[in-house]
N, C-alpha and C. Protein backbone atom coordinates (compact mmCIF):
# COMPACT_ATOMS: atom_id res chain seq x y z
N MET A 1 -17.00 4.45 21.33
CA MET A 1 -15.89 3.15 21.05
C MET A 1 -15.22 3.61 20.33
N ALA A 2 -13.24 3.41 21.18
CA ALA A 2 -12.04 3.52 20.19
C ALA A 2 -11.97 3.04 18.84
N TYR A 3 -10.74 3.37 17.74
CA TYR A 3 -10.30 2.17 16.98
C TYR A 3 -9.66 1.30 18.21
N GLU A 4 -9.59 -0.35 18.01
CA GLU A 4 -8.94 -1.50 18.64
C GLU A 4 -8.34 -2.28 17.82
N HIS A 5 -8.09 -2.01 16.58
CA HIS A 5 -7.46 -3.05 15.75
C HIS A 5 -6.55 -1.68 14.47
N PHE A 6 -5.10 -1.99 14.90
CA PHE A 6 -4.36 -0.99 13.98
C PHE A 6 -3.83 -2.10 12.70
N TYR A 7 -4.15 -2.10 11.82
CA TYR A 7 -3.06 -2.97 10.32
C TYR A 7 -2.39 -1.67 9.12
N VAL A 8 -1.59 -2.77 8.41
CA VAL A 8 -0.50 -1.81 7.64
C VAL A 8 -0.95 -3.10 6.38
N TYR A 9 -1.48 -2.39 5.33
CA TYR A 9 -1.40 -3.30 3.96
C TYR A 9 -0.81 -2.00 2.88
N VAL A 10 -0.68 -2.99 2.09
CA VAL A 10 0.13 -2.34 0.73
C VAL A 10 -0.74 -2.07 -0.13
N CYS A 11 -0.46 -1.18 -1.03
CA CYS A 11 -1.57 -0.90 -1.93
C CYS A 11 -1.17 -1.52 -3.09
N ASN A 12 -1.97 -2.67 -3.12
CA ASN A 12 -1.64 -3.55 -4.98
C ASN A 12 -2.68 -3.54 -5.52
N PRO A 13 -2.79 -4.50 -6.52
CA PRO A 13 -4.14 -5.19 -7.13
C PRO A 13 -4.63 -6.02 -6.30
N SER A 14 -6.10 -5.68 -6.24
CA SER A 14 -6.82 -6.77 -5.13
C SER A 14 -7.45 -8.23 -5.78
N SER A 15 -7.25 -9.31 -5.01
CA SER A 15 -7.56 -10.40 -5.80
C SER A 15 -9.29 -10.56 -5.84
N GLU A 16 -10.29 -9.71 -5.39
CA GLU A 16 -11.59 -9.47 -5.35
C GLU A 16 -12.08 -8.66 -6.39
N THR A 17 -13.21 -8.86 -7.27
CA THR A 17 -13.75 -8.05 -8.30
C THR A 17 -14.44 -7.23 -7.64
N ARG A 18 -14.73 -5.75 -7.85
CA ARG A 18 -16.09 -5.44 -7.41
C ARG A 18 -15.93 -3.89 -8.27
N GLY A 19 -17.06 -3.36 -8.34
CA GLY A 19 -17.08 -2.51 -9.06
C GLY A 19 -17.57 -2.62 -10.13
N SER A 20 -17.80 -1.26 -11.38
CA SER A 20 -18.68 -1.86 -12.55
C SER A 20 -17.56 -1.68 -13.93
N SER A 21 -18.20 -2.53 -14.28
CA SER A 21 -17.23 -3.11 -16.01
C SER A 21 -17.41 -2.61 -16.69
N ALA A 22 -17.03 -2.77 -17.74
CA ALA A 22 -17.25 -2.34 -19.24
C ALA A 22 -18.30 -3.37 -19.63
N ILE A 23 -18.12 -4.49 -19.36
CA ILE A 23 -19.09 -5.49 -20.08
C ILE A 23 -19.98 -6.06 -18.86
N ALA A 24 -21.32 -6.01 -18.96
CA ALA A 24 -21.71 -6.74 -17.39
C ALA A 24 -21.61 -8.08 -17.47
N GLY A 25 -21.18 -8.53 -15.71
CA GLY A 25 -20.77 -9.46 -15.50
C GLY A 25 -19.13 -9.82 -15.35
N LYS A 26 -18.97 -9.20 -16.44
CA LYS A 26 -17.22 -9.88 -16.48
C LYS A 26 -16.27 -8.98 -15.45
N LEU A 27 -15.33 -9.07 -15.16
CA LEU A 27 -13.94 -8.43 -14.63
C LEU A 27 -14.10 -7.01 -14.23
N ALA A 28 -14.43 -6.80 -13.05
CA ALA A 28 -14.02 -5.23 -12.85
C ALA A 28 -12.74 -4.83 -13.55
N THR A 29 -12.77 -3.36 -13.85
CA THR A 29 -11.46 -2.93 -14.12
C THR A 29 -11.45 -1.95 -13.57
N PRO A 30 -10.09 -2.17 -13.00
CA PRO A 30 -9.50 -0.58 -12.02
C PRO A 30 -9.17 0.33 -12.51
N LYS A 31 -9.54 1.75 -11.55
CA LYS A 31 -10.02 3.03 -12.30
C LYS A 31 -8.23 3.30 -12.77
N SER A 32 -7.62 2.76 -11.76
CA SER A 32 -6.12 3.60 -11.57
C SER A 32 -5.43 2.63 -11.53
N THR A 33 -3.86 2.34 -11.72
CA THR A 33 -2.89 1.17 -10.90
C THR A 33 -2.37 1.30 -9.69
N PRO A 34 -2.42 0.31 -8.96
CA PRO A 34 -1.83 0.43 -7.88
C PRO A 34 -0.50 0.75 -7.57
N CYS A 35 -0.21 1.49 -6.51
CA CYS A 35 1.15 2.37 -6.36
C CYS A 35 2.27 1.63 -5.56
N GLY A 36 1.51 0.07 -4.82
CA GLY A 36 2.01 -0.30 -4.06
C GLY A 36 3.18 0.72 -2.97
N ARG A 37 2.29 1.56 -2.38
CA ARG A 37 2.38 2.33 -1.26
C ARG A 37 2.36 1.43 0.15
N SER A 38 2.82 1.89 0.96
CA SER A 38 1.96 1.06 2.73
C SER A 38 1.41 2.08 3.36
N ASN A 39 -0.08 1.33 3.51
CA ASN A 39 -1.19 2.57 3.98
C ASN A 39 -1.52 2.21 5.67
N THR A 40 -2.30 2.67 6.21
CA THR A 40 -2.81 2.11 7.46
C THR A 40 -3.84 2.15 7.11
N HIS A 41 -4.71 1.12 8.19
CA HIS A 41 -6.38 1.24 8.38
C HIS A 41 -6.18 0.77 9.69
N PHE A 42 -7.42 1.70 10.76
CA PHE A 42 -7.87 1.38 11.47
C PHE A 42 -9.34 1.11 12.25
N THR A 43 -9.63 -0.12 12.53
CA THR A 43 -11.04 -0.58 12.90
C THR A 43 -11.45 -0.64 14.23
N LYS A 44 -12.71 -0.92 14.35
CA LYS A 44 -13.08 -1.25 15.60
C LYS A 44 -13.47 -2.91 15.91
N GLN A 45 -13.25 -3.50 14.22
CA GLN A 45 -13.82 -4.96 14.45
C GLN A 45 -12.28 -5.93 13.60
N LEU A 46 -12.21 -6.79 13.82
CA LEU A 46 -10.75 -7.63 13.90
C LEU A 46 -11.43 -8.36 12.50
N ILE A 47 -10.38 -8.19 11.25
CA ILE A 47 -10.65 -8.27 10.09
C ILE A 47 -9.86 -9.85 10.01
N ASN A 48 -11.53 -10.59 9.47
CA ASN A 48 -11.88 -12.19 9.14
C ASN A 48 -12.26 -11.86 8.18
N ASP A 49 -12.81 -13.90 7.91
CA ASP A 49 -13.64 -14.16 6.71
C ASP A 49 -14.96 -13.27 6.83
N ASP A 50 -15.31 -12.92 8.31
CA ASP A 50 -16.38 -12.42 8.24
C ASP A 50 -16.54 -10.93 8.07
N TYR A 51 -15.97 -10.19 8.04
CA TYR A 51 -15.29 -8.30 8.36
C TYR A 51 -14.33 -8.14 7.33
N ARG A 52 -14.72 -8.05 5.82
CA ARG A 52 -13.47 -7.74 5.02
C ARG A 52 -13.70 -6.23 4.71
N PRO A 53 -13.77 -4.86 5.51
CA PRO A 53 -13.66 -3.66 5.05
C PRO A 53 -12.90 -3.48 3.65
N GLN A 54 -13.44 -2.02 2.75
CA GLN A 54 -12.71 -1.78 2.10
C GLN A 54 -11.97 -0.43 2.38
N ALA A 55 -10.63 -0.20 2.40
CA ALA A 55 -9.73 0.49 2.68
C ALA A 55 -9.92 2.08 2.32
N ALA A 56 -9.74 3.30 3.08
CA ALA A 56 -9.83 4.45 2.41
C ALA A 56 -8.92 4.82 0.76
N LYS A 57 -8.95 5.30 0.28
CA LYS A 57 -8.56 5.78 -0.88
C LYS A 57 -7.33 5.99 -0.89
N CYS A 58 -6.21 5.31 -1.28
CA CYS A 58 -4.75 5.43 -1.21
C CYS A 58 -4.21 7.25 -1.61
N PRO A 59 -3.44 7.93 -0.68
CA PRO A 59 -3.23 9.12 -1.18
C PRO A 59 -2.12 9.12 -2.47
N GLU A 60 -1.58 8.42 -3.00
CA GLU A 60 -1.09 8.38 -4.22
C GLU A 60 -1.81 8.02 -5.25
N CYS A 61 -2.17 7.10 -5.31
CA CYS A 61 -3.19 6.43 -6.63
C CYS A 61 -4.67 6.41 -6.89
N ALA A 62 -5.13 6.07 -5.44
CA ALA A 62 -7.19 6.84 -4.91
C ALA A 62 -7.07 5.75 -5.42
N ASN A 63 -6.60 4.26 -5.20
CA ASN A 63 -7.25 3.22 -4.80
C ASN A 63 -7.67 2.61 -4.16
N ARG A 64 -8.41 2.16 -4.04
CA ARG A 64 -9.54 1.50 -2.73
C ARG A 64 -9.46 -0.16 -2.61
N LYS A 65 -8.79 -0.41 -2.01
CA LYS A 65 -8.57 -1.81 -1.45
C LYS A 65 -9.44 -2.73 -0.98
N ARG A 66 -9.79 -4.11 -1.18
CA ARG A 66 -10.58 -4.69 -0.60
C ARG A 66 -9.73 -5.36 0.65
N LEU A 67 -9.85 -5.05 1.87
CA LEU A 67 -8.54 -5.75 3.11
C LEU A 67 -9.59 -7.00 3.54
N ASN A 68 -8.26 -8.17 4.03
CA ASN A 68 -8.63 -9.59 4.44
C ASN A 68 -7.32 -9.40 5.12
N GLU A 69 -7.46 -10.99 5.57
CA GLU A 69 -6.62 -11.58 6.70
C GLU A 69 -5.08 -11.47 5.99
N GLY A 70 -5.06 -11.84 4.63
CA GLY A 70 -3.92 -12.16 3.87
C GLY A 70 -2.89 -10.99 3.67
N VAL A 71 -3.65 -9.50 3.47
CA VAL A 71 -2.99 -9.02 2.86
C VAL A 71 -2.87 -7.75 4.02
N VAL A 72 -2.99 -7.76 5.04
CA VAL A 72 -2.60 -6.93 6.31
C VAL A 72 -1.64 -7.78 7.32
N SER A 73 -0.92 -6.32 7.92
CA SER A 73 -0.26 -6.78 8.99
C SER A 73 -0.95 -6.19 10.56
N LYS A 74 -0.64 -7.14 11.29
CA LYS A 74 -1.27 -6.41 12.75
C LYS A 74 -0.28 -6.58 13.68
N TYR A 75 -0.16 -5.99 14.28
CA TYR A 75 1.22 -6.40 15.64
C TYR A 75 0.55 -5.65 17.01
N ASP A 76 -0.03 -6.53 17.66
CA ASP A 76 -0.59 -5.69 18.69
C ASP A 76 0.55 -5.62 20.11
N CYS A 77 0.57 -4.63 20.46
CA CYS A 77 2.09 -4.25 21.85
C CYS A 77 0.76 -4.07 22.64
N PHE A 78 1.33 -5.13 24.16
CA PHE A 78 0.67 -5.95 25.03
C PHE A 78 1.36 -4.58 26.23
N VAL A 79 0.49 -4.29 27.18
CA VAL A 79 0.88 -3.43 28.36
C VAL A 79 1.68 -4.19 29.09
N GLN A 80 2.74 -3.70 29.92
CA GLN A 80 3.77 -4.46 30.51
C GLN A 80 3.77 -4.48 32.46
N GLN A 81 3.97 -5.04 32.88
CA GLN A 81 3.48 -5.01 34.19
C GLN A 81 4.80 -5.64 34.87
N LYS A 82 5.35 -5.05 35.80
CA LYS A 82 6.54 -5.51 36.79
C LYS A 82 5.86 -6.70 37.57
N ILE A 83 6.77 -7.56 37.86
CA ILE A 83 6.21 -8.51 39.15
C ILE A 83 7.51 -8.69 39.88
N ARG A 84 7.54 -8.87 40.64
CA ARG A 84 8.91 -9.40 42.16
C ARG A 84 8.55 -11.08 42.16
N ASP A 85 9.46 -11.83 41.90
CA ASP A 85 9.33 -13.49 41.92
C ASP A 85 9.93 -13.55 43.33
N GLY A 86 9.97 -15.14 43.95
CA GLY A 86 10.07 -15.35 45.33
C GLY A 86 11.89 -14.43 45.77
N MET A 87 12.48 -14.66 44.85
CA MET A 87 13.67 -14.42 44.90
C MET A 87 14.13 -12.73 45.26
N GLY A 88 13.04 -11.91 44.86
CA GLY A 88 12.99 -10.42 45.34
C GLY A 88 13.47 -9.70 43.77
N ARG A 89 13.62 -10.40 42.61
CA ARG A 89 14.20 -9.92 41.40
C ARG A 89 12.83 -9.57 40.79
N VAL A 90 12.93 -7.97 40.29
CA VAL A 90 11.89 -7.94 39.37
C VAL A 90 11.97 -7.92 37.92
N HIS A 91 10.83 -8.63 37.10
CA HIS A 91 10.70 -8.95 36.21
C HIS A 91 9.51 -8.33 35.29
N THR A 92 10.06 -7.92 34.40
CA THR A 92 8.62 -7.05 33.26
C THR A 92 8.07 -8.16 32.59
N VAL A 93 6.50 -8.45 32.53
CA VAL A 93 5.89 -9.42 31.66
C VAL A 93 4.76 -8.78 30.85
N ASP A 94 4.52 -9.33 29.84
CA ASP A 94 3.28 -8.58 29.05
C ASP A 94 1.94 -9.50 30.18
N THR A 95 0.92 -8.36 29.81
CA THR A 95 -0.38 -8.73 30.22
C THR A 95 -1.43 -8.93 29.11
N ASP A 96 -2.16 -9.61 29.20
CA ASP A 96 -3.39 -9.87 28.47
C ASP A 96 -3.90 -8.52 27.45
N ILE A 97 -3.93 -7.60 28.41
CA ILE A 97 -4.10 -5.76 27.85
C ILE A 97 -3.41 -5.37 27.06
N ILE A 98 -3.70 -4.85 25.71
CA ILE A 98 -3.69 -3.92 24.46
C ILE A 98 -3.30 -2.63 24.72
N ASP A 99 -2.19 -2.19 24.62
CA ASP A 99 -1.67 -0.65 24.31
C ASP A 99 -2.41 -0.50 23.47
N LEU A 100 -3.41 0.20 23.58
CA LEU A 100 -3.99 0.47 22.08
C LEU A 100 -3.17 1.62 21.08
N LYS A 101 -2.68 2.77 22.24
CA LYS A 101 -1.72 4.00 21.45
C LYS A 101 -0.39 3.20 20.93
N ALA A 102 0.43 2.00 22.01
CA ALA A 102 1.93 2.07 21.26
C ALA A 102 1.23 0.85 19.85
N SER A 103 0.23 0.24 19.92
CA SER A 103 -0.17 -0.66 18.34
C SER A 103 -0.39 0.52 17.38
N LYS A 104 -1.31 1.56 17.78
CA LYS A 104 -1.44 2.36 16.61
C LYS A 104 -0.32 3.17 16.05
N ASP A 105 0.74 3.50 17.02
CA ASP A 105 2.28 4.09 16.54
C ASP A 105 3.14 3.15 15.62
N TRP A 106 3.07 1.68 16.11
CA TRP A 106 3.61 0.96 15.80
C TRP A 106 3.00 0.60 14.12
N ALA A 107 2.12 0.97 13.93
CA ALA A 107 1.66 0.83 12.64
C ALA A 107 1.77 2.10 11.71
N ILE A 108 1.58 3.26 12.60
CA ILE A 108 2.09 4.09 11.80
C ILE A 108 3.55 4.36 11.14
N LYS A 109 4.34 3.97 11.92
CA LYS A 109 5.79 3.58 12.13
C LYS A 109 6.35 2.83 11.05
N GLU A 110 5.56 1.83 11.00
CA GLU A 110 5.96 0.44 10.20
C GLU A 110 5.36 0.76 8.54
N ALA A 111 4.38 1.62 8.33
CA ALA A 111 4.29 2.14 7.06
C ALA A 111 4.96 3.32 6.90
N HIS A 112 5.35 3.89 7.57
CA HIS A 112 5.93 5.08 7.02
C HIS A 112 7.78 4.42 6.66
N ARG A 113 8.01 3.32 7.74
CA ARG A 113 9.20 2.64 7.12
C ARG A 113 9.63 2.01 5.58
N ARG A 114 8.11 1.06 5.85
CA ARG A 114 7.90 0.42 4.60
C ARG A 114 8.34 1.59 2.93
N ASN A 115 7.21 2.61 3.38
CA ASN A 115 7.54 3.48 2.48
C ASN A 115 9.10 4.24 1.99
N GLN A 116 9.58 4.51 3.38
CA GLN A 116 10.88 5.08 3.00
C GLN A 116 12.02 4.15 1.84
N SER A 117 11.41 2.76 2.50
CA SER A 117 12.40 1.29 1.34
C SER A 117 11.75 1.66 0.36
N ARG A 118 10.58 1.73 0.06
CA ARG A 118 10.16 1.71 -1.00
C ARG A 118 10.69 2.88 -2.35
N LYS A 119 10.86 4.00 -1.39
CA LYS A 119 10.97 5.21 -2.07
C LYS A 119 12.45 5.05 -2.35
N TYR A 120 13.67 4.71 -1.26
CA TYR A 120 15.19 4.13 -1.74
C TYR A 120 15.08 3.05 -2.75
N HIS A 121 14.40 2.11 -3.22
CA HIS A 121 15.02 1.23 -4.31
C HIS A 121 14.81 1.99 -5.34
N SER A 122 13.14 2.71 -5.31
CA SER A 122 12.91 3.30 -6.63
C SER A 122 13.79 4.31 -6.98
N LEU A 123 14.42 5.20 -5.84
CA LEU A 123 15.30 5.85 -6.48
C LEU A 123 16.55 5.58 -7.21
N ARG A 124 17.16 3.66 -6.22
CA ARG A 124 17.94 3.06 -6.58
C ARG A 124 18.05 2.65 -8.37
N ARG A 125 16.68 2.04 -8.54
CA ARG A 125 16.42 1.62 -10.02
C ARG A 125 16.54 2.71 -10.76
N LEU A 126 16.20 4.16 -10.48
CA LEU A 126 15.97 5.21 -11.77
C LEU A 126 18.11 5.13 -11.88
N SER A 127 18.61 5.53 -11.10
CA SER A 127 20.15 5.42 -10.67
C SER A 127 20.76 5.13 -11.78
N ASN A 128 19.98 3.48 -11.70
CA ASN A 128 20.72 2.59 -12.11
C ASN A 128 20.04 2.16 -13.21
N PRO A 129 19.24 2.52 -14.08
CA PRO A 129 18.59 1.69 -15.00
C PRO A 129 19.22 0.72 -16.11
N SER A 130 18.47 -0.47 -16.28
CA SER A 130 18.63 -1.99 -16.74
C SER A 130 19.10 -1.34 -18.48
N GLU A 131 19.58 -2.04 -18.71
CA GLU A 131 20.13 -1.40 -20.49
C GLU A 131 18.42 -1.50 -21.32
N GLU A 132 17.49 -2.10 -20.95
CA GLU A 132 16.42 -2.55 -21.42
C GLU A 132 15.58 -1.04 -21.09
N VAL A 133 15.57 -0.78 -20.20
CA VAL A 133 14.86 0.66 -19.85
C VAL A 133 15.97 1.99 -20.69
N LYS A 134 17.19 1.78 -20.61
CA LYS A 134 17.93 2.71 -21.31
C LYS A 134 17.67 2.81 -22.78
N LYS A 135 17.00 1.66 -23.64
CA LYS A 135 16.84 1.82 -24.82
C LYS A 135 15.55 2.18 -25.11
N LEU A 136 14.81 1.75 -23.93
CA LEU A 136 13.23 2.26 -24.19
C LEU A 136 13.17 3.66 -24.22
N LEU A 137 13.88 4.53 -23.49
CA LEU A 137 14.09 5.95 -23.26
C LEU A 137 14.82 6.61 -24.32
N GLU A 138 15.65 6.01 -24.85
CA GLU A 138 16.02 6.26 -26.33
C GLU A 138 15.23 6.33 -27.38
N GLN A 139 14.52 5.16 -27.39
CA GLN A 139 13.16 5.25 -28.29
C GLN A 139 12.08 6.33 -28.24
N THR A 140 11.63 6.66 -27.45
CA THR A 140 11.11 7.50 -26.79
C THR A 140 11.54 8.62 -27.16
N VAL A 141 12.64 9.13 -26.78
CA VAL A 141 13.24 10.29 -27.48
C VAL A 141 13.12 10.46 -29.00
N GLN A 142 13.81 9.38 -29.67
CA GLN A 142 13.53 9.49 -30.86
C GLN A 142 12.08 9.73 -31.50
N SER A 143 11.05 9.32 -30.81
CA SER A 143 9.88 9.08 -31.30
C SER A 143 9.19 10.63 -30.83
N LEU A 144 10.02 11.55 -29.79
CA LEU A 144 9.14 12.55 -29.73
C LEU A 144 10.08 13.99 -30.46
N GLU A 145 11.05 13.42 -30.94
CA GLU A 145 11.93 14.60 -31.71
C GLU A 145 11.49 14.35 -33.02
N HIS A 146 10.43 13.26 -33.38
CA HIS A 146 9.65 13.19 -34.65
C HIS A 146 8.29 13.41 -34.40
N MET A 147 8.01 14.18 -33.70
CA MET A 147 6.48 14.38 -33.28
C MET A 147 6.28 15.41 -34.33
N ASP A 148 7.01 16.20 -34.53
CA ASP A 148 6.39 17.86 -35.25
C ASP A 148 6.11 17.34 -36.70
N GLU A 149 7.17 16.13 -37.47
CA GLU A 149 7.11 15.96 -38.45
C GLU A 149 5.65 15.36 -38.47
N ILE A 150 5.56 14.15 -37.94
CA ILE A 150 3.99 13.35 -37.59
C ILE A 150 2.59 14.76 -37.71
N ILE A 151 2.91 15.64 -36.77
CA ILE A 151 1.81 16.56 -36.42
C ILE A 151 1.47 17.13 -37.92
N GLU A 152 3.02 17.64 -38.94
CA GLU A 152 2.76 18.50 -39.85
C GLU A 152 1.89 17.28 -41.10
N GLN A 153 2.24 16.20 -41.02
CA GLN A 153 1.50 15.10 -42.02
C GLN A 153 0.13 14.96 -41.92
N VAL A 154 -0.25 15.03 -40.27
CA VAL A 154 -1.72 14.71 -40.39
C VAL A 154 -2.04 15.44 -40.72
N GLY A 155 -1.81 16.93 -39.96
CA GLY A 155 -2.26 18.38 -40.57
C GLY A 155 -2.61 18.07 -41.71
N ASP A 156 -1.66 18.26 -43.03
CA ASP A 156 -1.58 18.21 -43.91
C ASP A 156 -2.50 17.12 -44.85
N LEU A 157 -3.25 16.03 -44.21
CA LEU A 157 -4.00 14.88 -44.71
C LEU A 157 -5.12 15.44 -44.20
N ILE A 158 -5.83 15.95 -43.60
CA ILE A 158 -6.73 16.79 -42.48
C ILE A 158 -7.42 17.67 -43.88
N GLU A 159 -6.49 18.61 -44.26
CA GLU A 159 -6.36 19.85 -45.11
C GLU A 159 -6.87 19.30 -46.14
C-alpha cells in the first residue's frame, strides 16, 4: 500500500511533552531548539485525534515533532474529468478520486516555497539588523577582545 496522505508542517516547539527529563515527572527538555523549517510527512493513515505520528528528524536541527491536525497542512489534488453538457460544451470537473502524485508534488513544492520565504526573511533581518542586535554584536566583540586578558588572569589564579 502506497502513501495516501501528504502533509507539510513547520519544525517548531511541540505542545506535547514526551521524552526524558532531568527530573522525573516534570516537563521534558528538548534536545535542540526547533529551527522553523517546513518539512513534509507522508502517511498511509489520516492524521487525526486517534493517529498522531512523530515526524522524522528535521534535517537542520534534528528535532522530532509530534504531528496532529492543528500543526499540519494538507491539500488533496483530485483527478479531473472532462464531461459534455447538453449543449455540447466540455467542462472539467473534479472527481472524488485523489490524485496521489499531484498531492505529493504539492506537499514537496509547498515546503520548498515556505523554506525559500523563510530564508529570504532571515537574510533581510541580517542585512538590516535592528539597533538592539547591533548593540548586542558590539558587546560581543568587546567581550572577545578582552578574552585573552581574562584567560591569563584565570591561569594566574590557578597557579
